[in-house]
């Protein structure tokens, strides 16, 4: 029997772990992660990106989610949400490795996403 998931990222254990750990990071480390995630926008259609910017304006500082209070993080998480599943998983793996190795400032997007 399939489980019902409350959040969009709950169905992928790696993505879920990455976002749960990211939530606990310092503001500087969150900022580095947000920059990395935003670099994924090259893999998302332009009309989707425009909708993300609308969502960011609409919900910034108004929502209850941990990332709603930071407009850059909100944009980053929304971009991640609409990215293809393969891109989501690769980004989550990179984030997990960077958090584990304490190398958030060295996150870079490469051609493997």
PDB file of N, CA and C in Angstrom:
ATOM      1  N   UNK A   1       0.844  -1.178   0.000  1.00  0.00           N
ATOM      2  CA  UNK A   1       0.000   0.000   0.000  1.00  0.00           C
ATOM      3  C   UNK A   1       0.889   1.241   0.000  1.00  0.00           C
ATOM      4  N   UNK A   2       0.711   2.150  -0.967  1.00  0.00           N
ATOM      5  CA  UNK A   2       1.582   3.325  -1.044  1.00  0.00           C
ATOM      6  C   UNK A   2       1.325   4.282   0.121  1.00  0.00           C
ATOM      7  N   UNK A   3       2.432   4.891   0.572  1.00  0.00           N
ATOM      8  CA  UNK A   3       2.324   5.885   1.628  1.00  0.00           C
ATOM      9  C   UNK A   3       1.887   7.211   1.026  1.00  0.00           C
ATOM     10  N   UNK A   4       1.239   8.009   1.826  1.00  0.00           N
ATOM     11  CA  UNK A   4       0.880   9.344   1.371  1.00  0.00           C
ATOM     12  C   UNK A   4       1.923  10.312   1.926  1.00  0.00           C
ATOM     13  N   UNK A   5       2.395  11.194   1.102  1.00  0.00           N
ATOM     14  CA  UNK A   5       3.452  12.119   1.485  1.00  0.00           C
ATOM     15  C   UNK A   5       2.876  13.513   1.674  1.00  0.00           C
ATOM     16  N   UNK A   6       3.341  14.185   2.706  1.00  0.00           N
ATOM     17  CA  UNK A   6       2.855  15.524   3.001  1.00  0.00           C
ATOM     18  C   UNK A   6       3.579  16.588   2.195  1.00  0.00           C
ATOM     19  N   UNK A   7       4.866  16.421   1.996  1.00  0.00           N
ATOM     20  CA  UNK A   7       5.652  17.437   1.293  1.00  0.00           C
ATOM     21  C   UNK A   7       6.152  16.865  -0.024  1.00  0.00           C
ATOM     22  N   UNK A   8       6.397  17.730  -0.983  1.00  0.00           N
ATOM     23  CA  UNK A   8       6.771  17.275  -2.320  1.00  0.00           C
ATOM     24  C   UNK A   8       8.056  16.464  -2.309  1.00  0.00           C
ATOM     25  N   UNK A   9       8.942  16.692  -1.372  1.00  0.00           N
ATOM     26  CA  UNK A   9      10.231  15.992  -1.353  1.00  0.00           C
ATOM     27  C   UNK A   9      10.248  14.744  -0.474  1.00  0.00           C
ATOM     28  N   UNK A  10       9.154  14.437   0.188  1.00  0.00           N
ATOM     29  CA  UNK A  10       9.122  13.272   1.081  1.00  0.00           C
ATOM     30  C   UNK A  10       9.224  11.939   0.351  1.00  0.00           C
ATOM     31  N   UNK A  11       8.896  11.896  -0.927  1.00  0.00           N
ATOM     32  CA  UNK A  11       8.917  10.614  -1.640  1.00  0.00           C
ATOM     33  C   UNK A  11      10.309  10.191  -2.087  1.00  0.00           C
ATOM     34  N   UNK A  12      11.310  11.045  -1.934  1.00  0.00           N
ATOM     35  CA  UNK A  12      12.686  10.690  -2.266  1.00  0.00           C
ATOM     36  C   UNK A  12      13.521  10.815  -0.991  1.00  0.00           C
ATOM     37  N   UNK A  13      13.969   9.699  -0.423  1.00  0.00           N
ATOM     38  CA  UNK A  13      14.673   9.758   0.863  1.00  0.00           C
ATOM     39  C   UNK A  13      15.944  10.606   0.835  1.00  0.00           C
ATOM     40  N   UNK A  14      16.640  10.628  -0.271  1.00  0.00           N
ATOM     41  CA  UNK A  14      17.867  11.434  -0.357  1.00  0.00           C
ATOM     42  C   UNK A  14      17.523  12.913  -0.384  1.00  0.00           C
ATOM     43  N   UNK A  15      16.550  13.274  -1.178  1.00  0.00           N
ATOM     44  CA  UNK A  15      16.117  14.676  -1.250  1.00  0.00           C
ATOM     45  C   UNK A  15      15.566  15.125   0.106  1.00  0.00           C
ATOM     46  N   UNK A  16      14.793  14.268   0.726  1.00  0.00           N
ATOM     47  CA  UNK A  16      14.225  14.584   2.040  1.00  0.00           C
ATOM     48  C   UNK A  16      15.333  14.825   3.062  1.00  0.00           C
ATOM     49  N   UNK A  17      16.312  13.940   3.099  1.00  0.00           N
ATOM     50  CA  UNK A  17      17.414  14.093   4.053  1.00  0.00           C
ATOM     51  C   UNK A  17      18.199  15.368   3.785  1.00  0.00           C
ATOM     52  N   UNK A  18      18.465  15.664   2.513  1.00  0.00           N
ATOM     53  CA  UNK A  18      19.218  16.868   2.170  1.00  0.00           C
ATOM     54  C   UNK A  18      18.485  18.120   2.637  1.00  0.00           C
ATOM     55  N   UNK A  19      17.191  18.192   2.403  1.00  0.00           N
ATOM     56  CA  UNK A  19      16.446  19.386   2.794  1.00  0.00           C
ATOM     57  C   UNK A  19      16.283  19.477   4.308  1.00  0.00           C
ATOM     58  N   UNK A  20      16.111  18.343   4.969  1.00  0.00           N
ATOM     59  CA  UNK A  20      16.010  18.361   6.433  1.00  0.00           C
ATOM     60  C   UNK A  20      17.326  18.822   7.054  1.00  0.00           C
ATOM     61  N   UNK A  21      18.448  18.366   6.528  1.00  0.00           N
ATOM     62  CA  UNK A  21      19.748  18.801   7.046  1.00  0.00           C
ATOM     63  C   UNK A  21      20.038  20.254   6.677  1.00  0.00           C
ATOM     64  N   UNK A  22      19.632  20.651   5.489  1.00  0.00           N
ATOM     65  CA  UNK A  22      19.840  22.033   5.068  1.00  0.00           C
ATOM     66  C   UNK A  22      19.113  22.988   6.004  1.00  0.00           C
ATOM     67  N   UNK A  23      17.953  22.596   6.445  1.00  0.00           N
ATOM     68  CA  UNK A  23      17.161  23.413   7.364  1.00  0.00           C
ATOM     69  C   UNK A  23      17.943  23.734   8.634  1.00  0.00           C
ATOM     70  N   UNK A  24      18.842  22.866   9.041  1.00  0.00           N
ATOM     71  CA  UNK A  24      19.591  23.023  10.287  1.00  0.00           C
ATOM     72  C   UNK A  24      20.913  23.776  10.127  1.00  0.00           C
ATOM     73  N   UNK A  25      21.266  24.138   8.914  1.00  0.00           N
ATOM     74  CA  UNK A  25      22.552  24.773   8.653  1.00  0.00           C
ATOM     75  C   UNK A  25      22.551  26.247   9.061  1.00  0.00           C
ATOM     76  N   UNK A  26      23.743  26.811   9.171  1.00  0.00           N
ATOM     77  CA  UNK A  26      23.878  28.240   9.458  1.00  0.00           C
ATOM     78  C   UNK A  26      23.390  29.042   8.259  1.00  0.00           C
ATOM     79  N   UNK A  27      23.135  30.313   8.472  1.00  0.00           N
ATOM     80  CA  UNK A  27      22.665  31.169   7.381  1.00  0.00           C
ATOM     81  C   UNK A  27      23.669  31.229   6.234  1.00  0.00           C
ATOM     82  N   UNK A  28      24.965  31.267   6.550  1.00  0.00           N
ATOM     83  CA  UNK A  28      25.983  31.311   5.495  1.00  0.00           C
ATOM     84  C   UNK A  28      25.957  30.038   4.656  1.00  0.00           C
ATOM     85  N   UNK A  29      25.808  28.905   5.310  1.00  0.00           N
ATOM     86  CA  UNK A  29      25.785  27.635   4.590  1.00  0.00           C
ATOM     87  C   UNK A  29      24.490  27.501   3.787  1.00  0.00           C
ATOM     88  N   UNK A  30      23.392  27.995   4.328  1.00  0.00           N
ATOM     89  CA  UNK A  30      22.132  27.998   3.578  1.00  0.00           C
ATOM     90  C   UNK A  30      22.261  28.874   2.343  1.00  0.00           C
ATOM     91  N   UNK A  31      22.928  30.004   2.493  1.00  0.00           N
ATOM     92  CA  UNK A  31      23.115  30.916   1.369  1.00  0.00           C
ATOM     93  C   UNK A  31      23.922  30.266   0.255  1.00  0.00           C
ATOM     94  N   UNK A  32      24.989  29.562   0.618  1.00  0.00           N
ATOM     95  CA  UNK A  32      25.796  28.855  -0.382  1.00  0.00           C
ATOM     96  C   UNK A  32      24.972  27.778  -1.070  1.00  0.00           C
ATOM     97  N   UNK A  33      24.156  27.079  -0.302  1.00  0.00           N
ATOM     98  CA  UNK A  33      23.297  26.040  -0.882  1.00  0.00           C
ATOM     99  C   UNK A  33      22.258  26.661  -1.809  1.00  0.00           C
ATOM    100  N   UNK A  34      21.687  27.781  -1.406  1.00  0.00           N
ATOM    101  CA  UNK A  34      20.689  28.449  -2.242  1.00  0.00           C
ATOM    102  C   UNK A  34      21.304  28.872  -3.569  1.00  0.00           C
ATOM    103  N   UNK A  35      22.510  29.422  -3.527  1.00  0.00           N
ATOM    104  CA  UNK A  35      23.191  29.815  -4.768  1.00  0.00           C
ATOM    105  C   UNK A  35      23.383  28.612  -5.681  1.00  0.00           C
ATOM    106  N   UNK A  36      23.792  27.497  -5.096  1.00  0.00           N
ATOM    107  CA  UNK A  36      23.979  26.278  -5.879  1.00  0.00           C
ATOM    108  C   UNK A  36      22.654  25.829  -6.499  1.00  0.00           C
ATOM    109  N   UNK A  37      21.615  25.793  -5.706  1.00  0.00           N
ATOM    110  CA  UNK A  37      20.320  25.320  -6.204  1.00  0.00           C
ATOM    111  C   UNK A  37      19.794  26.253  -7.292  1.00  0.00           C
ATOM    112  N   UNK A  38      19.952  27.551  -7.099  1.00  0.00           N
ATOM    113  CA  UNK A  38      19.484  28.506  -8.105  1.00  0.00           C
ATOM    114  C   UNK A  38      20.209  28.306  -9.427  1.00  0.00           C
ATOM    115  N   UNK A  39      21.444  27.815  -9.373  1.00  0.00           N
ATOM    116  CA  UNK A  39      22.176  27.566 -10.627  1.00  0.00           C
ATOM    117  C   UNK A  39      21.504  26.468 -11.457  1.00  0.00           C
ATOM    118  N   UNK A  40      20.592  25.727 -10.870  1.00  0.00           N
ATOM    119  CA  UNK A  40      19.870  24.677 -11.595  1.00  0.00           C
ATOM    120  C   UNK A  40      18.822  25.235 -12.548  1.00  0.00           C
ATOM    121  N   UNK A  41      18.547  26.526 -12.474  1.00  0.00           N
ATOM    122  CA  UNK A  41      17.479  27.090 -13.286  1.00  0.00           C
ATOM    123  C   UNK A  41      17.709  26.916 -14.780  1.00  0.00           C
ATOM    124  N   UNK A  42      18.940  26.650 -15.184  1.00  0.00           N
ATOM    125  CA  UNK A  42      19.215  26.390 -16.599  1.00  0.00           C
ATOM    126  C   UNK A  42      18.502  25.130 -17.080  1.00  0.00           C
ATOM    127  N   UNK A  43      18.114  24.264 -16.139  1.00  0.00           N
ATOM    128  CA  UNK A  43      17.482  22.999 -16.495  1.00  0.00           C
ATOM    129  C   UNK A  43      15.962  23.038 -16.330  1.00  0.00           C
ATOM    130  N   UNK A  44      15.426  24.220 -16.096  1.00  0.00           N
ATOM    131  CA  UNK A  44      13.987  24.383 -15.899  1.00  0.00           C
ATOM    132  C   UNK A  44      13.470  25.353 -16.961  1.00  0.00           C
ATOM    133  N   UNK A  45      12.323  25.061 -17.512  1.00  0.00           N
ATOM    134  CA  UNK A  45      11.756  25.892 -18.577  1.00  0.00           C
ATOM    135  C   UNK A  45      11.519  27.323 -18.101  1.00  0.00           C
ATOM    136  N   UNK A  46      11.679  28.270 -19.005  1.00  0.00           N
ATOM    137  CA  UNK A  46      11.553  29.692 -18.668  1.00  0.00           C
ATOM    138  C   UNK A  46      10.178  30.039 -18.107  1.00  0.00           C
ATOM    139  N   UNK A  47       9.101  29.469 -18.654  1.00  0.00           N
ATOM    140  CA  UNK A  47       7.774  29.799 -18.136  1.00  0.00           C
ATOM    141  C   UNK A  47       7.608  29.299 -16.703  1.00  0.00           C
ATOM    142  N   UNK A  48       8.255  28.198 -16.383  1.00  0.00           N
ATOM    143  CA  UNK A  48       8.211  27.682 -15.014  1.00  0.00           C
ATOM    144  C   UNK A  48       8.993  28.610 -14.087  1.00  0.00           C
ATOM    145  N   UNK A  49      10.114  29.097 -14.554  1.00  0.00           N
ATOM    146  CA  UNK A  49      10.924  30.025 -13.753  1.00  0.00           C
ATOM    147  C   UNK A  49      10.141  31.295 -13.461  1.00  0.00           C
ATOM    148  N   UNK A  50       9.418  31.811 -14.453  1.00  0.00           N
ATOM    149  CA  UNK A  50       8.608  33.006 -14.227  1.00  0.00           C
ATOM    150  C   UNK A  50       7.537  32.749 -13.170  1.00  0.00           C
ATOM    151  N   UNK A  51       6.942  31.562 -13.188  1.00  0.00           N
ATOM    152  CA  UNK A  51       5.943  31.212 -12.172  1.00  0.00           C
ATOM    153  C   UNK A  51       6.593  31.113 -10.793  1.00  0.00           C
ATOM    154  N   UNK A  52       7.815  30.639 -10.734  1.00  0.00           N
ATOM    155  CA  UNK A  52       8.527  30.559  -9.459  1.00  0.00           C
ATOM    156  C   UNK A  52       8.754  31.953  -8.890  1.00  0.00           C
ATOM    157  N   UNK A  53       9.110  32.890  -9.735  1.00  0.00           N
ATOM    158  CA  UNK A  53       9.304  34.256  -9.257  1.00  0.00           C
ATOM    159  C   UNK A  53       7.991  34.841  -8.742  1.00  0.00           C
ATOM    160  N   UNK A  54       6.885  34.505  -9.376  1.00  0.00           N
ATOM    161  CA  UNK A  54       5.575  34.946  -8.881  1.00  0.00           C
ATOM    162  C   UNK A  54       5.282  34.337  -7.512  1.00  0.00           C
ATOM    163  N   UNK A  55       5.566  33.053  -7.361  1.00  0.00           N
ATOM    164  CA  UNK A  55       5.354  32.381  -6.075  1.00  0.00           C
ATOM    165  C   UNK A  55       6.230  33.021  -5.007  1.00  0.00           C
ATOM    166  N   UNK A  56       7.468  33.330  -5.364  1.00  0.00           N
ATOM    167  CA  UNK A  56       8.390  33.952  -4.417  1.00  0.00           C
ATOM    168  C   UNK A  56       7.834  35.278  -3.921  1.00  0.00           C
ATOM    169  N   UNK A  57       7.348  36.095  -4.832  1.00  0.00           N
ATOM    170  CA  UNK A  57       6.776  37.388  -4.436  1.00  0.00           C
ATOM    171  C   UNK A  57       5.538  37.203  -3.577  1.00  0.00           C
ATOM    172  N   UNK A  58       4.736  36.221  -3.915  1.00  0.00           N
ATOM    173  CA  UNK A  58       3.472  35.999  -3.216  1.00  0.00           C
ATOM    174  C   UNK A  58       3.662  35.444  -1.804  1.00  0.00           C
ATOM    175  N   UNK A  59       4.619  34.536  -1.620  1.00  0.00           N
ATOM    176  CA  UNK A  59       4.739  33.829  -0.351  1.00  0.00           C
ATOM    177  C   UNK A  59       5.918  34.237   0.514  1.00  0.00           C
ATOM    178  N   UNK A  60       6.834  35.042   0.008  1.00  0.00           N
ATOM    179  CA  UNK A  60       8.001  35.423   0.800  1.00  0.00           C
ATOM    180  C   UNK A  60       7.559  36.072   2.111  1.00  0.00           C
ATOM    181  N   UNK A  61       8.106  35.583   3.197  1.00  0.00           N
ATOM    182  CA  UNK A  61       7.835  36.063   4.554  1.00  0.00           C
ATOM    183  C   UNK A  61       6.392  35.857   5.009  1.00  0.00           C
ATOM    184  N   UNK A  62       5.617  35.050   4.297  1.00  0.00           N
ATOM    185  CA  UNK A  62       4.219  34.848   4.667  1.00  0.00           C
ATOM    186  C   UNK A  62       3.902  33.404   5.012  1.00  0.00           C
ATOM    187  N   UNK A  63       4.742  32.476   4.622  1.00  0.00           N
ATOM    188  CA  UNK A  63       4.435  31.064   4.814  1.00  0.00           C
ATOM    189  C   UNK A  63       4.960  30.519   6.124  1.00  0.00           C
ATOM    190  N   UNK A  64       4.628  29.269   6.383  1.00  0.00           N
ATOM    191  CA  UNK A  64       5.048  28.603   7.611  1.00  0.00           C
ATOM    192  C   UNK A  64       6.243  27.679   7.416  1.00  0.00           C
ATOM    193  N   UNK A  65       6.649  27.467   6.180  1.00  0.00           N
ATOM    194  CA  UNK A  65       7.770  26.564   5.938  1.00  0.00           C
ATOM    195  C   UNK A  65       9.069  27.246   6.345  1.00  0.00           C
ATOM    196  N   UNK A  66      10.069  26.455   6.711  1.00  0.00           N
ATOM    197  CA  UNK A  66      11.323  27.016   7.213  1.00  0.00           C
ATOM    198  C   UNK A  66      11.999  27.926   6.209  1.00  0.00           C
ATOM    199  N   UNK A  67      11.772  27.746   4.932  1.00  0.00           N
ATOM    200  CA  UNK A  67      12.453  28.549   3.916  1.00  0.00           C
ATOM    201  C   UNK A  67      11.626  29.731   3.430  1.00  0.00           C
ATOM    202  N   UNK A  68      10.404  29.899   3.886  1.00  0.00           N
ATOM    203  CA  UNK A  68       9.553  31.000   3.433  1.00  0.00           C
ATOM    204  C   UNK A  68      10.042  32.375   3.893  1.00  0.00           C
ATOM    205  N   UNK A  69      10.806  32.430   4.962  1.00  0.00           N
ATOM    206  CA  UNK A  69      11.255  33.724   5.488  1.00  0.00           C
ATOM    207  C   UNK A  69      12.463  34.280   4.746  1.00  0.00           C
ATOM    208  N   UNK A  70      13.059  33.506   3.883  1.00  0.00           N
ATOM    209  CA  UNK A  70      14.232  33.939   3.128  1.00  0.00           C
ATOM    210  C   UNK A  70      13.888  33.883   1.639  1.00  0.00           C
ATOM    211  N   UNK A  71      13.734  35.041   0.978  1.00  0.00           N
ATOM    212  CA  UNK A  71      13.316  35.041  -0.429  1.00  0.00           C
ATOM    213  C   UNK A  71      14.258  34.275  -1.359  1.00  0.00           C
ATOM    214  N   UNK A  72      15.552  34.307  -1.095  1.00  0.00           N
ATOM    215  CA  UNK A  72      16.504  33.589  -1.945  1.00  0.00           C
ATOM    216  C   UNK A  72      16.341  32.084  -1.750  1.00  0.00           C
ATOM    217  N   UNK A  73      16.217  31.652  -0.494  1.00  0.00           N
ATOM    218  CA  UNK A  73      16.031  30.226  -0.229  1.00  0.00           C
ATOM    219  C   UNK A  73      14.686  29.759  -0.770  1.00  0.00           C
ATOM    220  N   UNK A  74      13.651  30.579  -0.645  1.00  0.00           N
ATOM    221  CA  UNK A  74      12.340  30.226  -1.187  1.00  0.00           C
ATOM    222  C   UNK A  74      12.439  29.997  -2.690  1.00  0.00           C
ATOM    223  N   UNK A  75      13.123  30.890  -3.377  1.00  0.00           N
ATOM    224  CA  UNK A  75      13.309  30.742  -4.826  1.00  0.00           C
ATOM    225  C   UNK A  75      14.089  29.470  -5.135  1.00  0.00           C
ATOM    226  N   UNK A  76      15.132  29.224  -4.362  1.00  0.00           N
ATOM    227  CA  UNK A  76      15.964  28.041  -4.591  1.00  0.00           C
ATOM    228  C   UNK A  76      15.162  26.757  -4.397  1.00  0.00           C
ATOM    229  N   UNK A  77      14.410  26.671  -3.324  1.00  0.00           N
ATOM    230  CA  UNK A  77      13.648  25.454  -3.043  1.00  0.00           C
ATOM    231  C   UNK A  77      12.546  25.264  -4.080  1.00  0.00           C
ATOM    232  N   UNK A  78      11.917  26.333  -4.515  1.00  0.00           N
ATOM    233  CA  UNK A  78      10.896  26.216  -5.559  1.00  0.00           C
ATOM    234  C   UNK A  78      11.513  25.741  -6.877  1.00  0.00           C
ATOM    235  N   UNK A  79      12.709  26.230  -7.194  1.00  0.00           N
ATOM    236  CA  UNK A  79      13.405  25.753  -8.395  1.00  0.00           C
ATOM    237  C   UNK A  79      13.714  24.273  -8.279  1.00  0.00           C
ATOM    238  N   UNK A  80      14.161  23.863  -7.121  1.00  0.00           N
ATOM    239  CA  UNK A  80      14.460  22.455  -6.903  1.00  0.00           C
ATOM    240  C   UNK A  80      13.187  21.615  -7.029  1.00  0.00           C
ATOM    241  N   UNK A  81      12.089  22.141  -6.519  1.00  0.00           N
ATOM    242  CA  UNK A  81      10.815  21.412  -6.556  1.00  0.00           C
ATOM    243  C   UNK A  81      10.378  21.109  -7.981  1.00  0.00           C
ATOM    244  N   UNK A  82      10.605  22.033  -8.912  1.00  0.00           N
ATOM    245  CA  UNK A  82      10.130  21.846 -10.284  1.00  0.00           C
ATOM    246  C   UNK A  82      11.195  21.267 -11.215  1.00  0.00           C
ATOM    247  N   UNK A  83      12.389  21.083 -10.698  1.00  0.00           N
ATOM    248  CA  UNK A  83      13.457  20.501 -11.515  1.00  0.00           C
ATOM    249  C   UNK A  83      13.128  19.037 -11.809  1.00  0.00           C
ATOM    250  N   UNK A  84      13.683  18.510 -12.884  1.00  0.00           N
ATOM    251  CA  UNK A  84      13.479  17.088 -13.181  1.00  0.00           C
ATOM    252  C   UNK A  84      13.974  16.223 -12.014  1.00  0.00           C
ATOM    253  N   UNK A  85      13.352  15.067 -11.783  1.00  0.00           N
ATOM    254  CA  UNK A  85      13.744  14.204 -10.651  1.00  0.00           C
ATOM    255  C   UNK A  85      15.234  13.862 -10.621  1.00  0.00           C
ATOM    256  N   UNK A  86      15.827  13.616 -11.773  1.00  0.00           N
ATOM    257  CA  UNK A  86      17.258  13.301 -11.804  1.00  0.00           C
ATOM    258  C   UNK A  86      18.076  14.494 -11.286  1.00  0.00           C
ATOM    259  N   UNK A  87      17.700  15.685 -11.686  1.00  0.00           N
ATOM    260  CA  UNK A  87      18.389  16.887 -11.238  1.00  0.00           C
ATOM    261  C   UNK A  87      18.198  17.083  -9.741  1.00  0.00           C
ATOM    262  N   UNK A  88      16.985  16.842  -9.248  1.00  0.00           N
ATOM    263  CA  UNK A  88      16.716  16.949  -7.813  1.00  0.00           C
ATOM    264  C   UNK A  88      17.634  16.017  -7.028  1.00  0.00           C
ATOM    265  N   UNK A  89      17.705  14.776  -7.473  1.00  0.00           N
ATOM    266  CA  UNK A  89      18.496  13.776  -6.744  1.00  0.00           C
ATOM    267  C   UNK A  89      19.986  14.125  -6.784  1.00  0.00           C
ATOM    268  N   UNK A  90      20.505  14.519  -7.949  1.00  0.00           N
ATOM    269  CA  UNK A  90      21.922  14.883  -8.034  1.00  0.00           C
ATOM    270  C   UNK A  90      22.234  16.093  -7.160  1.00  0.00           C
ATOM    271  N   UNK A  91      21.341  17.065  -7.174  1.00  0.00           N
ATOM    272  CA  UNK A  91      21.541  18.246  -6.323  1.00  0.00           C
ATOM    273  C   UNK A  91      21.513  17.847  -4.855  1.00  0.00           C
ATOM    274  N   UNK A  92      20.585  16.983  -4.478  1.00  0.00           N
ATOM    275  CA  UNK A  92      20.492  16.528  -3.091  1.00  0.00           C
ATOM    276  C   UNK A  92      21.760  15.793  -2.668  1.00  0.00           C
ATOM    277  N   UNK A  93      22.276  14.948  -3.545  1.00  0.00           N
ATOM    278  CA  UNK A  93      23.515  14.231  -3.229  1.00  0.00           C
ATOM    279  C   UNK A  93      24.679  15.200  -3.042  1.00  0.00           C
ATOM    280  N   UNK A  94      24.769  16.198  -3.920  1.00  0.00           N
ATOM    281  CA  UNK A  94      25.841  17.191  -3.785  1.00  0.00           C
ATOM    282  C   UNK A  94      25.703  17.964  -2.479  1.00  0.00           C
ATOM    283  N   UNK A  95      24.469  18.334  -2.141  1.00  0.00           N
ATOM    284  CA  UNK A  95      24.249  19.056  -0.888  1.00  0.00           C
ATOM    285  C   UNK A  95      24.624  18.205   0.313  1.00  0.00           C
ATOM    286  N   UNK A  96      24.218  16.948   0.309  1.00  0.00           N
ATOM    287  CA  UNK A  96      24.559  16.062   1.416  1.00  0.00           C
ATOM    288  C   UNK A  96      26.069  15.919   1.576  1.00  0.00           C
ATOM    289  N   UNK A  97      26.765  15.727   0.471  1.00  0.00           N
ATOM    290  CA  UNK A  97      28.227  15.599   0.537  1.00  0.00           C
ATOM    291  C   UNK A  97      28.873  16.883   1.034  1.00  0.00           C
ATOM    292  N   UNK A  98      28.390  18.012   0.556  1.00  0.00           N
ATOM    293  CA  UNK A  98      28.954  19.294   0.983  1.00  0.00           C
ATOM    294  C   UNK A  98      28.706  19.541   2.467  1.00  0.00           C
ATOM    295  N   UNK A  99      27.512  19.186   2.946  1.00  0.00           N
ATOM    296  CA  UNK A  99      27.223  19.364   4.369  1.00  0.00           C
ATOM    297  C   UNK A  99      28.062  18.413   5.220  1.00  0.00           C
ATOM    298  N   UNK A 100      28.215  17.183   4.756  1.00  0.00           N
ATOM    299  CA  UNK A 100      29.007  16.199   5.494  1.00  0.00           C
ATOM    300  C   UNK A 100      30.473  16.604   5.558  1.00  0.00           C
ATOM    301  N   UNK A 101      30.990  17.140   4.463  1.00  0.00           N
ATOM    302  CA  UNK A 101      32.400  17.504   4.378  1.00  0.00           C
ATOM    303  C   UNK A 101      32.669  18.949   4.775  1.00  0.00           C
ATOM    304  N   UNK A 102      31.614  19.659   5.180  1.00  0.00           N
ATOM    305  CA  UNK A 102      31.739  21.060   5.567  1.00  0.00           C
ATOM    306  C   UNK A 102      32.353  21.904   4.443  1.00  0.00           C
ATOM    307  N   UNK A 103      31.874  21.679   3.228  1.00  0.00           N
ATOM    308  CA  UNK A 103      32.415  22.387   2.062  1.00  0.00           C
ATOM    309  C   UNK A 103      31.319  23.115   1.294  1.00  0.00           C
ATOM    310  N   UNK A 104      30.355  23.673   1.991  1.00  0.00           N
ATOM    311  CA  UNK A 104      29.227  24.342   1.331  1.00  0.00           C
ATOM    312  C   UNK A 104      29.687  25.480   0.431  1.00  0.00           C
ATOM    313  N   UNK A 105      30.726  26.194   0.849  1.00  0.00           N
ATOM    314  CA  UNK A 105      31.196  27.322   0.055  1.00  0.00           C
ATOM    315  C   UNK A 105      31.818  26.891  -1.267  1.00  0.00           C
ATOM    316  N   UNK A 106      32.146  25.617  -1.385  1.00  0.00           N
ATOM    317  CA  UNK A 106      32.789  25.121  -2.597  1.00  0.00           C
ATOM    318  C   UNK A 106      31.815  24.473  -3.564  1.00  0.00           C
ATOM    319  N   UNK A 107      30.523  24.540  -3.260  1.00  0.00           N
ATOM    320  CA  UNK A 107      29.522  23.949  -4.151  1.00  0.00           C
ATOM    321  C   UNK A 107      29.565  24.642  -5.495  1.00  0.00           C
ATOM    322  N   UNK A 108      29.620  23.849  -6.518  1.00  0.00           N
ATOM    323  CA  UNK A 108      29.572  24.380  -7.880  1.00  0.00           C
ATOM    324  C   UNK A 108      28.723  23.453  -8.698  1.00  0.00           C
ATOM    325  N   UNK A 109      28.047  24.024  -9.654  1.00  0.00           N
ATOM    326  CA  UNK A 109      27.293  23.167 -10.572  1.00  0.00           C
ATOM    327  C   UNK A 109      28.253  22.737 -11.662  1.00  0.00           C
ATOM    328  N   UNK A 110      28.207  21.446 -11.980  1.00  0.00           N
ATOM    329  CA  UNK A 110      28.987  20.982 -13.111  1.00  0.00           C
ATOM    330  C   UNK A 110      28.041  20.474 -14.170  1.00  0.00           C
ATOM    331  N   UNK A 111      28.539  19.982 -15.224  1.00  0.00           N
ATOM    332  CA  UNK A 111      27.726  19.544 -16.332  1.00  0.00           C
ATOM    333  C   UNK A 111      27.007  18.225 -16.096  1.00  0.00           C
ATOM    334  N   UNK A 112      27.101  17.631 -14.918  1.00  0.00           N
ATOM    335  CA  UNK A 112      26.518  16.331 -14.648  1.00  0.00           C
ATOM    336  C   UNK A 112      25.088  16.371 -14.156  1.00  0.00           C
ATOM    337  N   UNK A 113      24.495  17.518 -14.018  1.00  0.00           N
ATOM    338  CA  UNK A 113      23.112  17.591 -13.511  1.00  0.00           C
ATOM    339  C   UNK A 113      22.123  17.360 -14.588  1.00  0.00           C
TER     340      UNK A 113
END
